[in-house]
Each structure stands twice: as structure tokens, then as C-alpha cells.
Protein backbone atom coordinates (compact mmCIF):
# COMPACT_ATOMS: atom_id res chain seq x y z
CA MET A 1 -17.86 -5.37 61.04
CA PRO A 2 -17.26 -2.41 58.73
CA ARG A 3 -13.71 -3.70 58.22
CA THR A 4 -15.09 -7.08 57.07
CA GLY A 5 -17.42 -5.30 54.69
CA HIS A 6 -14.53 -3.44 53.09
CA ILE A 7 -12.63 -6.72 52.66
CA ILE A 8 -15.61 -8.38 51.00
CA GLN A 9 -16.10 -5.35 48.75
CA THR A 10 -12.43 -5.45 47.76
CA ILE A 11 -12.66 -9.16 46.92
CA PHE A 12 -15.62 -8.53 44.63
CA LEU A 13 -13.78 -5.66 42.90
CA VAL A 14 -10.73 -7.85 42.31
CA ALA A 15 -12.91 -10.65 40.99
CA ALA A 16 -14.59 -8.22 38.62
CA VAL A 17 -11.22 -7.18 37.24
CA VAL A 18 -10.08 -10.78 36.79
CA ILE A 19 -13.08 -11.91 34.77
CA THR A 20 -13.13 -8.92 32.44
CA PRO A 21 -12.35 -10.14 28.89
CA PRO A 22 -8.87 -9.00 27.79
CA ALA A 23 -8.51 -6.32 25.18
CA LEU A 24 -7.35 -7.33 21.73
CA ALA A 25 -3.59 -7.73 21.56
CA GLN A 26 -1.40 -4.82 20.58
CA VAL A 27 1.74 -5.96 18.71
CA ALA A 28 4.74 -4.39 17.00
CA VAL A 29 6.48 -6.65 14.47
CA ILE A 30 9.97 -5.46 13.50
CA GLY A 31 11.55 -6.96 10.40
CA LYS A 32 14.91 -6.38 8.78
CA THR A 33 13.15 -7.20 5.50
CA VAL A 34 9.37 -6.83 5.18
CA TYR A 35 7.41 -8.11 2.18
CA THR A 36 4.07 -6.31 2.28
CA MET A 37 2.93 -7.72 -1.10
CA ALA A 38 1.32 -4.35 -1.68
CA GLY A 39 4.39 -2.39 -2.77
CA PRO A 40 8.17 -2.43 -2.73
CA VAL A 41 10.18 -4.53 -0.30
CA LEU A 42 10.83 -2.59 2.91
CA LYS A 43 13.94 -2.64 5.08
CA ASP A 44 14.11 -2.16 8.86
CA THR A 45 10.38 -1.67 9.17
CA VAL A 46 7.88 -2.00 12.01
CA VAL A 47 4.31 -3.22 11.49
CA ILE A 48 2.08 -2.05 14.33
CA ILE A 49 -1.14 -3.97 14.96
CA ARG A 50 -3.90 -2.60 17.16
CA ASP A 51 -7.31 -4.11 17.84
CA GLY A 52 -6.56 -6.95 15.43
CA LYS A 53 -5.87 -4.69 12.43
CA ILE A 54 -2.73 -3.26 10.87
CA ALA A 55 -2.54 0.31 12.16
CA GLU A 56 0.89 1.50 11.01
CA ILE A 57 3.77 0.45 8.76
CA ARG A 58 6.77 2.66 9.42
CA PRO A 59 10.58 2.71 9.37
CA VAL A 60 12.04 1.51 12.64
CA PHE A 61 14.43 4.45 12.87
CA GLY A 62 12.64 7.47 14.24
CA THR A 63 9.62 5.46 15.43
CA VAL A 64 8.89 5.39 19.14
CA ILE A 65 7.08 2.15 19.90
CA PRO A 66 4.55 2.62 22.73
CA GLY A 67 5.17 0.61 25.86
CA ASP A 68 1.84 -1.21 25.68
CA LEU A 69 2.89 -3.10 22.53
CA ARG A 70 4.47 -6.53 22.58
CA ILE A 71 7.53 -6.46 20.31
CA LEU A 72 8.47 -9.32 17.97
CA ARG A 73 11.59 -9.29 15.78
CA ALA A 74 12.59 -11.29 12.71
CA GLU A 75 14.95 -11.27 9.76
CA VAL A 76 12.04 -11.63 7.29
CA VAL A 77 8.41 -10.64 7.80
CA THR A 78 5.61 -11.60 5.39
CA PRO A 79 1.84 -11.54 5.40
CA GLY A 80 0.35 -14.62 7.02
CA LEU A 81 0.53 -17.43 4.47
CA ILE A 82 -2.59 -18.68 2.69
CA ASP A 83 -3.12 -22.32 1.77
CA ALA A 84 -5.40 -22.06 -1.27
CA HIS A 85 -6.80 -25.60 -1.02
CA SER A 86 -6.56 -28.16 1.74
CA VAL A 87 -8.55 -30.59 3.88
CA VAL A 88 -7.00 -29.38 7.14
CA GLY A 89 -9.56 -29.50 9.92
CA LEU A 90 -11.58 -32.19 8.20
CA THR A 91 -8.73 -34.68 8.20
CA GLY A 92 -6.66 -35.49 11.25
CA ILE A 93 -2.96 -35.50 11.91
CA TYR A 94 -2.88 -39.21 12.79
CA ASN A 95 -4.69 -40.50 9.69
CA GLN A 96 -7.23 -42.50 11.68
CA LYS A 97 -10.79 -43.32 10.57
CA HIS A 98 -12.36 -41.42 13.45
CA ASP A 99 -10.99 -38.08 12.22
CA GLN A 100 -11.45 -38.44 8.46
CA ASP A 101 -14.46 -36.30 7.53
CA GLN A 102 -13.17 -34.92 4.24
CA LEU A 103 -15.00 -37.23 1.83
CA GLU A 104 -18.45 -38.83 1.84
CA HIS A 105 -18.82 -41.72 -0.62
CA SER A 106 -22.55 -42.48 -0.29
CA ALA A 107 -23.52 -40.54 -3.43
CA PRO A 108 -21.69 -38.95 -6.37
CA ILE A 109 -23.38 -35.52 -6.12
CA GLN A 110 -23.63 -33.93 -2.67
CA PRO A 111 -23.22 -30.14 -2.87
CA GLU A 112 -25.37 -29.74 0.24
CA LEU A 113 -22.57 -31.05 2.49
CA ARG A 114 -21.13 -28.10 4.38
CA ALA A 115 -17.51 -27.93 5.47
CA VAL A 116 -18.59 -25.65 8.30
CA ASP A 117 -20.36 -28.66 9.83
CA ALA A 118 -17.27 -30.86 9.65
CA TYR A 119 -14.36 -28.54 10.48
CA ASN A 120 -12.55 -29.20 13.77
CA ALA A 121 -10.75 -26.03 14.87
CA LEU A 122 -8.92 -27.92 17.64
CA GLU A 123 -7.46 -30.59 15.34
CA ASP A 124 -3.70 -30.86 15.92
CA LEU A 125 -3.04 -30.60 12.19
CA VAL A 126 -4.41 -27.04 12.22
CA ALA A 127 -1.90 -26.02 14.87
CA TYR A 128 0.87 -27.85 13.04
CA VAL A 129 0.52 -25.93 9.76
CA ARG A 130 -0.01 -22.69 11.68
CA GLY A 131 3.44 -23.13 13.19
CA PHE A 132 4.97 -22.65 9.72
CA GLY A 133 3.25 -19.31 9.17
CA VAL A 134 -0.02 -20.50 7.58
CA THR A 135 -2.72 -18.22 8.97
CA THR A 136 -5.53 -18.74 6.44
CA VAL A 137 -6.73 -21.98 4.85
CA HIS A 138 -9.28 -22.72 2.15
CA THR A 139 -10.48 -26.11 3.29
CA GLY A 140 -13.41 -28.45 2.94
CA HIS A 141 -14.60 -31.57 1.22
CA ALA A 142 -11.92 -33.34 -0.75
CA PRO A 143 -11.90 -34.31 -4.43
CA GLY A 144 -13.01 -37.87 -5.08
CA GLU A 145 -16.72 -37.59 -5.86
CA LEU A 146 -18.38 -35.78 -8.74
CA ILE A 147 -19.50 -33.02 -6.35
CA SER A 148 -18.21 -33.65 -2.85
CA GLY A 149 -19.48 -30.60 -0.94
CA GLN A 150 -18.79 -27.02 0.05
CA THR A 151 -15.56 -25.39 1.14
CA ILE A 152 -14.81 -22.63 3.64
CA VAL A 153 -12.04 -20.13 4.35
CA VAL A 154 -10.81 -20.13 7.95
CA LYS A 155 -8.12 -18.65 10.13
CA THR A 156 -5.89 -21.25 11.77
CA ALA A 157 -6.87 -19.96 15.21
CA GLY A 158 -9.95 -20.13 17.38
CA ARG A 159 -11.55 -22.85 19.45
CA THR A 160 -14.59 -23.41 17.24
CA VAL A 161 -15.40 -23.19 13.57
CA ASP A 162 -17.52 -20.12 14.30
CA GLU A 163 -14.46 -18.33 15.66
CA ALA A 164 -12.23 -19.47 12.78
CA VAL A 165 -14.41 -19.14 9.68
CA PHE A 166 -14.73 -15.91 7.71
CA ARG A 167 -16.08 -17.11 4.36
CA ALA A 168 -18.68 -19.86 4.16
CA PRO A 169 -19.34 -21.28 1.74
CA ALA A 170 -16.32 -20.32 -0.29
CA MET A 171 -16.75 -22.70 -3.24
CA VAL A 172 -18.41 -25.95 -4.22
CA ALA A 173 -15.90 -28.73 -4.83
CA ALA A 174 -16.27 -30.93 -7.92
CA THR A 175 -14.04 -33.59 -9.46
CA LEU A 176 -13.44 -34.46 -13.10
CA SER A 177 -10.80 -37.14 -12.77
CA SER A 178 -10.38 -40.86 -12.39
CA SER A 179 -10.81 -40.60 -8.62
CA ALA A 180 -14.50 -39.74 -9.11
CA ARG A 181 -15.18 -42.75 -11.34
CA LYS A 182 -16.82 -45.72 -9.67
CA LYS A 183 -14.87 -48.95 -9.96
CA GLU A 184 -17.74 -51.24 -8.95
CA LYS A 185 -19.68 -52.76 -11.87
CA GLY A 186 -22.97 -50.99 -12.42
CA LYS A 187 -22.11 -48.00 -10.24
CA SER A 188 -22.34 -44.50 -11.68
CA PRO A 189 -20.45 -42.58 -12.95
CA GLY A 190 -18.20 -45.18 -14.47
CA THR A 191 -16.90 -43.18 -17.42
CA ARG A 192 -15.95 -39.59 -18.18
CA GLY A 193 -18.91 -39.26 -20.52
CA LYS A 194 -21.25 -40.23 -17.69
CA MET A 195 -19.59 -37.79 -15.33
CA MET A 196 -20.24 -34.90 -17.69
CA ALA A 197 -23.78 -36.07 -18.42
CA LEU A 198 -24.62 -36.18 -14.71
CA LEU A 199 -23.25 -32.69 -14.15
CA ARG A 200 -25.08 -31.21 -17.12
CA ALA A 201 -28.34 -32.88 -16.10
CA GLU A 202 -27.96 -31.57 -12.56
CA PHE A 203 -27.37 -28.02 -13.75
CA VAL A 204 -30.45 -28.19 -15.99
CA LYS A 205 -32.46 -29.22 -12.91
CA VAL A 206 -31.01 -26.24 -11.09
CA GLN A 207 -32.02 -23.86 -13.88
CA ASN A 208 -35.60 -25.15 -13.75
CA TYR A 209 -35.63 -24.99 -9.95
CA LEU A 210 -34.43 -21.38 -9.92
CA ALA A 211 -36.99 -20.37 -12.53
CA LYS A 212 -39.81 -21.86 -10.48
CA ARG A 213 -38.52 -20.39 -7.22
CA GLU A 214 -38.46 -16.95 -8.81
CA SER A 215 -41.93 -17.36 -10.25
CA GLY A 216 -44.60 -15.01 -8.95
CA ASP A 217 -47.03 -17.93 -8.69
CA GLU A 218 -46.78 -19.13 -5.08
CA GLU A 219 -48.56 -22.39 -5.89
CA LYS A 220 -45.89 -23.36 -8.41
CA ARG A 221 -42.95 -22.52 -6.14
CA PRO A 222 -41.12 -25.76 -5.27
CA PRO A 223 -40.11 -26.50 -1.68
CA ARG A 224 -36.54 -25.82 -0.62
CA ASP A 225 -34.02 -28.31 -1.94
CA LEU A 226 -30.60 -27.96 -0.32
CA ARG A 227 -28.80 -29.62 -3.22
CA LEU A 228 -30.39 -27.48 -5.93
CA GLU A 229 -30.24 -24.38 -3.75
CA THR A 230 -26.48 -24.72 -3.32
CA LEU A 231 -25.85 -25.29 -7.01
CA GLY A 232 -28.16 -22.36 -7.69
CA ARG A 233 -25.66 -20.14 -5.92
CA VAL A 234 -23.03 -21.47 -8.32
CA LEU A 235 -25.10 -20.77 -11.42
CA SER A 236 -26.00 -17.30 -10.14
CA GLY A 237 -22.31 -16.48 -9.86
CA GLU A 238 -22.43 -16.07 -6.10
CA ILE A 239 -19.81 -18.76 -5.43
CA PRO A 240 -17.39 -20.51 -7.81
CA LEU A 241 -17.23 -24.16 -8.75
CA LEU A 242 -13.83 -25.57 -7.81
CA VAL A 243 -13.09 -28.36 -10.29
CA THR A 244 -10.26 -30.78 -9.61
CA ALA A 245 -9.00 -31.94 -12.99
CA ASP A 246 -5.51 -33.06 -13.99
CA ARG A 247 -5.67 -34.53 -17.49
CA ALA A 248 -5.89 -32.06 -20.34
CA GLN A 249 -9.14 -33.62 -21.58
CA ASP A 250 -10.75 -33.14 -18.14
CA ILE A 251 -9.54 -29.57 -17.88
CA ALA A 252 -11.06 -28.91 -21.31
CA SER A 253 -14.34 -30.48 -20.14
CA ALA A 254 -14.41 -28.16 -17.12
CA LEU A 255 -13.87 -25.12 -19.35
CA ARG A 256 -16.61 -26.31 -21.70
CA LEU A 257 -19.05 -26.84 -18.83
CA ALA A 258 -18.37 -23.35 -17.49
CA ARG A 259 -19.00 -21.84 -20.93
CA GLU A 260 -22.30 -23.69 -21.28
CA PHE A 261 -23.72 -22.73 -17.89
CA GLY A 262 -21.91 -19.45 -17.25
CA PHE A 263 -20.62 -20.11 -13.75
CA LYS A 264 -17.37 -18.95 -12.18
CA LEU A 265 -14.75 -21.67 -12.49
CA VAL A 266 -11.59 -22.23 -10.48
CA LEU A 267 -9.33 -25.03 -11.68
CA ASP A 268 -7.74 -27.19 -9.04
CA SER A 269 -4.59 -29.34 -9.30
CA ALA A 270 -4.48 -29.10 -13.12
CA ALA A 271 -1.36 -31.22 -13.70
CA GLU A 272 -1.55 -30.93 -17.50
CA SER A 273 -2.72 -27.31 -17.55
CA TYR A 274 0.51 -26.31 -19.30
CA LEU A 275 -0.93 -28.02 -22.39
CA LEU A 276 -3.95 -25.68 -22.40
CA VAL A 277 -2.42 -22.35 -21.43
CA ASP A 278 -4.17 -20.34 -24.15
CA ALA A 279 -7.61 -21.83 -23.43
CA ILE A 280 -7.30 -21.22 -19.69
CA LYS A 281 -6.07 -17.67 -20.22
CA ASP A 282 -8.83 -16.88 -22.74
CA ALA A 283 -11.42 -18.09 -20.23
CA ALA A 284 -9.84 -15.93 -17.48
CA VAL A 285 -9.89 -18.90 -15.13
CA PRO A 286 -7.53 -18.94 -12.13
CA VAL A 287 -5.65 -22.10 -11.19
CA ILE A 288 -4.83 -23.51 -7.76
CA VAL A 289 -1.87 -25.62 -8.84
CA HIS A 290 -1.23 -29.08 -7.41
CA PRO A 291 1.39 -29.51 -4.68
CA SER A 292 4.78 -29.90 -6.28
CA MET A 293 5.52 -33.02 -4.27
CA TYR A 294 2.38 -34.94 -5.26
CA ARG A 295 3.09 -38.52 -6.27
CA THR A 296 3.32 -38.65 -10.06
CA TRP A 297 0.98 -41.44 -11.03
CA GLY A 298 -2.49 -41.86 -12.52
CA ASP A 299 -4.03 -38.63 -13.74
CA ARG A 300 -1.05 -36.72 -12.33
CA LYS A 301 1.64 -38.70 -14.11
CA ASN A 302 2.54 -35.70 -16.28
CA LEU A 303 2.75 -33.05 -13.58
CA SER A 304 5.66 -30.65 -13.66
CA PHE A 305 7.51 -28.65 -11.02
CA GLU A 306 7.37 -25.75 -13.49
CA THR A 307 3.59 -25.62 -13.93
CA ALA A 308 3.07 -22.67 -11.58
CA ALA A 309 5.77 -20.66 -13.37
CA THR A 310 4.45 -21.57 -16.83
CA LEU A 311 0.91 -20.44 -15.99
CA ARG A 312 1.88 -17.28 -14.12
CA HIS A 313 4.26 -16.11 -16.82
CA ALA A 314 1.47 -16.61 -19.35
CA GLY A 315 -0.70 -14.16 -17.39
CA ILE A 316 -2.88 -16.68 -15.52
CA ARG A 317 -3.56 -16.05 -11.85
CA VAL A 318 -2.03 -18.86 -9.81
CA ALA A 319 -2.05 -19.98 -6.19
CA LEU A 320 -0.43 -22.95 -4.48
CA GLN A 321 -1.91 -25.49 -2.11
CA SER A 322 -1.16 -28.31 0.31
CA GLY A 323 -3.75 -30.44 -1.48
CA TYR A 324 -5.25 -33.81 -0.63
CA GLU A 325 -4.22 -37.41 -1.12
CA SER A 326 -6.32 -40.38 -0.06
CA TYR A 327 -3.49 -41.76 2.03
CA VAL A 328 -0.64 -40.42 4.16
CA PRO A 329 0.13 -37.52 4.36
CA LYS A 330 -3.46 -36.53 3.40
CA THR A 331 -2.34 -32.90 3.32
CA ARG A 332 1.02 -31.16 3.16
CA VAL A 333 2.57 -27.83 4.23
CA VAL A 334 2.05 -25.16 1.58
CA LEU A 335 5.27 -23.35 2.57
CA PHE A 336 7.33 -26.37 1.48
CA GLU A 337 5.36 -26.68 -1.76
CA ALA A 338 6.09 -23.04 -2.51
CA ALA A 339 9.80 -23.62 -1.93
CA ILE A 340 9.81 -26.20 -4.72
CA ALA A 341 8.06 -23.74 -7.05
CA ALA A 342 10.62 -21.07 -6.14
CA ALA A 343 13.37 -23.40 -7.37
CA ASN A 344 11.56 -24.11 -10.63
CA GLY A 345 10.90 -20.90 -12.50
CA LEU A 346 9.28 -18.48 -10.06
CA THR A 347 11.10 -15.56 -8.48
CA PHE A 348 10.96 -15.14 -4.70
CA GLU A 349 8.23 -12.52 -4.82
CA GLU A 350 6.23 -14.39 -7.48
CA THR A 351 6.33 -17.46 -5.28
CA LEU A 352 5.34 -15.53 -2.18
CA ALA A 353 2.40 -14.05 -4.09
CA THR A 354 1.06 -17.56 -4.81
CA ILE A 355 0.66 -18.16 -1.07
CA THR A 356 -0.37 -14.63 -0.07
CA ILE A 357 -2.04 -11.96 -2.20
CA ASP A 358 -2.78 -14.00 -5.33
CA ALA A 359 -4.26 -16.80 -3.23
CA ALA A 360 -6.40 -14.21 -1.42
CA ARG A 361 -7.65 -12.83 -4.74
CA ILE A 362 -8.62 -16.24 -6.05
CA LEU A 363 -10.49 -16.95 -2.81
CA GLY A 364 -12.15 -13.53 -2.81
CA VAL A 365 -10.73 -12.49 0.58
CA GLU A 366 -8.10 -9.94 -0.52
CA ASP A 367 -9.93 -7.19 1.37
CA ARG A 368 -8.87 -8.82 4.65
CA VAL A 369 -5.76 -10.95 4.11
CA GLY A 370 -2.91 -11.60 1.70
CA SER A 371 -0.91 -8.40 2.16
CA LEU A 372 0.29 -6.07 4.88
CA GLU A 373 -1.79 -2.93 4.41
CA LEU A 374 -3.43 -0.46 6.75
CA GLY A 375 -6.82 -1.71 7.93
CA LYS A 376 -6.27 -5.32 6.93
CA ASP A 377 -6.26 -8.18 9.42
CA GLY A 378 -3.16 -8.35 11.58
CA ASP A 379 -1.91 -11.67 10.19
CA VAL A 380 1.89 -11.88 10.02
CA ALA A 381 4.50 -14.61 9.63
CA LEU A 382 8.06 -14.14 10.94
CA TYR A 383 11.16 -16.04 9.77
CA ASP A 384 14.83 -16.09 10.74
CA GLY A 385 15.88 -16.19 7.09
CA ASP A 386 14.59 -16.86 3.58
CA PRO A 387 11.23 -18.64 4.15
CA PHE A 388 11.89 -20.96 1.21
CA GLU A 389 15.24 -22.18 2.49
CA TYR A 390 15.21 -25.56 4.24
CA THR A 391 17.28 -24.33 7.19
CA THR A 392 15.01 -21.34 7.93
CA HIS A 393 12.65 -21.40 10.91
CA CYS A 394 9.30 -19.75 11.37
CA VAL A 395 9.91 -17.85 14.62
CA GLY A 396 6.54 -16.24 15.12
CA VAL A 397 2.95 -16.20 13.89
CA VAL A 398 0.39 -13.47 14.52
CA ILE A 399 -3.31 -13.85 13.70
CA ASP A 400 -5.69 -10.91 14.14
CA GLY A 401 -3.06 -9.26 16.30
CA ASN A 402 -2.71 -12.22 18.64
CA VAL A 403 0.63 -13.99 18.92
CA VAL A 404 -0.41 -17.60 18.35
CA SER A 405 3.10 -19.02 18.00
CA ASP A 406 6.55 -17.85 19.05
CA THR A 407 8.32 -21.21 19.15
CA PRO A 408 10.76 -21.63 16.22
CA ARG A 409 9.72 -24.33 13.76
């Protein structure tokens, strides 16, 4: 009987060991060339990640790598890539109606819609872009309505939105372009003048709402209004307004609206922004430039492969994106978009900055991602050559110290 008791006790001890949650991964990433985006390019360098954070960045030679670290090797190592604007997680890889949650057409102004309520962390498209080294995505409601909803910043890992998200809301998405104009007779807004009038009227309502909410008279305090509350965070400067505008006249309208109401503005797409370089620079407004391979028609008929270079060399902060189109492919791979920019006026490091540190700064997450620095999140992309060359493969992806991909793509 005592022998049986020992067996049972042993079984319970083994079971206890099995169900204990694993410790955070410990990884050593060795690169022949390492772009930290926080200093000079490093050669033959190891990036050691412990407990999800970058713990050491040291020369390989002379460094003894502890045996408890998993070792990954690559020709080129970069920070995990950042897609500065996408609809990944709200739109599906198969372009079917059942997985298209990126745009609600029932009303022109809907800032209360939260991307955190629509994001699907297990969508195959998330895993697909992750395989190319994209570890962080600014995603949410797509352009196409005057105000289409809120955006979030997520890691391309995790089983649920709560595990993936680390900034919510990030911005409120607005549209000043033909895609937000109603084509049906009698529907509003039908013209650009009406679009601006609706936005200005809404912001005046928000100003009145905030004044009453802050009033010391409890009887005059209005009840919570999710729409006005969200836009109140924009007017207070807490979160930016992301305005998709391509034509120069619409970009100018966005700048004028920001001056009138004093909110933080981020320009999105901005196909004709090269016509308003001085105005954008004077306003200190960053630009998330359209994907290079957008179809050149409609408001985007005058887009240029050189827009990112033109703006950056003028001193405007620029990031690149995979974007959104209302038909296939809905969203693209930001690595490929950056490769086009690299061939049209940007240097390698300037291009890499648009999908790493500069993107992080525009999104307000540079304290965690965008560069390889001690204490930052352990997000790393590994390549077997120049990341912007067509024949190069992404051979590994690390997010928060966890190896989420080691299959070449």
C-alpha cells in the first residue's frame, strides 16, 4: 500500500510540472549585419532577449551565449517591421463577406466604433504578414466614411485581441476623399463642402459637450455620449485624427480643419502631398504614405513612387503602410511597398526607418518597438539577404522573445 501511495504522489508531482506555464522564451539572435535603428549598423552582432525584452546587444566574438538560449542566425537582422496603417485582422485573407468587418456604411460619422471589438487575432491574414517580418500593425476601421471608427496598434501574435493589442484606441479614422461621398441621390455627404460642414458641426457639438461635462453644475452635465466622448479625446489632444486624403484640395482641407480645432493630425495616403510640402511641414504633420502599388485611378491618379522620398527629404516624418482597397487584395505587405520606395529615392536605412522607428514615432509606440535597444520589446525580423530584394527570404520572426516563425518566406 505504501508503494501505491508513492506512485500516486509521483504522478501528481509530474502532473504539476506539466501544467506549470512555461517561462518566457530566452533567445539569442545572431546577425552578420544588424540594423538597430538606434545607432550605427553593427556587424557580427548578437541580440539577446530575456523575459520578452532586449537584454544585451554585443559583438559575437568574445560573447559566451548561455546554454538556455535558443540561437537564431541570419545574414540581416532588423527590428520587427511596423505596418503604419492596415485593416489586417478586420478583413480576411479570402475576401469573403463573412470576414469583412473593416467598414460600416450605415452612417457617415461613427467614431464610437472600436477596432478592438472587431479585430480577429486568429485571422490567417495576420499570420501571413507576420511571416514577412511584420510584428506590429496599426489597424482598424478603413477609409470610406466621413469618420469610420477607431484604430488600434497590435502585435501580430496572440490568440485574442486582448493578448495582441497594446494601444487602444490609437487614432480615429476619418476620410476626406471621393470614397466618403454618397452616390445615392439625397444621401449625405454628397459633396466636399458638405463633408467639411458635417465635420465642423460635429466638432462644435463636441466642444459644447466637453464644456458641459466639465461644468461644476451636476444638473447640467449631459449623459455619456460615446460618439462625442470619442471625438472629445481627439479635441483634447489625447489621440490623433487620422485623415485619409489624396487630392491636394482635400489635404489642404484637413490641415485647415486641424488649425481651426487644434487637434493632432496624421495624414494618410496623401497621393498629392508632394504639391503641399511646405504647408505640411509648417504644420508639423506626419504622413503615412499610400502603398506604392496602389492602383492609380480616382483621387489617387497622381500618386508617385517618389512621394515618400520627397516628403522625408523635405523634413517631414514619413511612414509606409499596406493600406486598404475596397476589393482584392484589400491589404498588402508593407515590406514589398517599402522595397518600391527604396528603388525610388530613399536610401536603405531611410526606407527601413519608414517601417520601423519612424512608424513607431508616428504611432506613439517608440518606447516599446521600432528599434533594437536595451529594455525594448524583443521583436526581431531575420532575413537571408537584403530585405528589399525580391529573392530574399524572411527566415525568422521573434515577437516579445517568442519565435513565432522560422519557416523561410
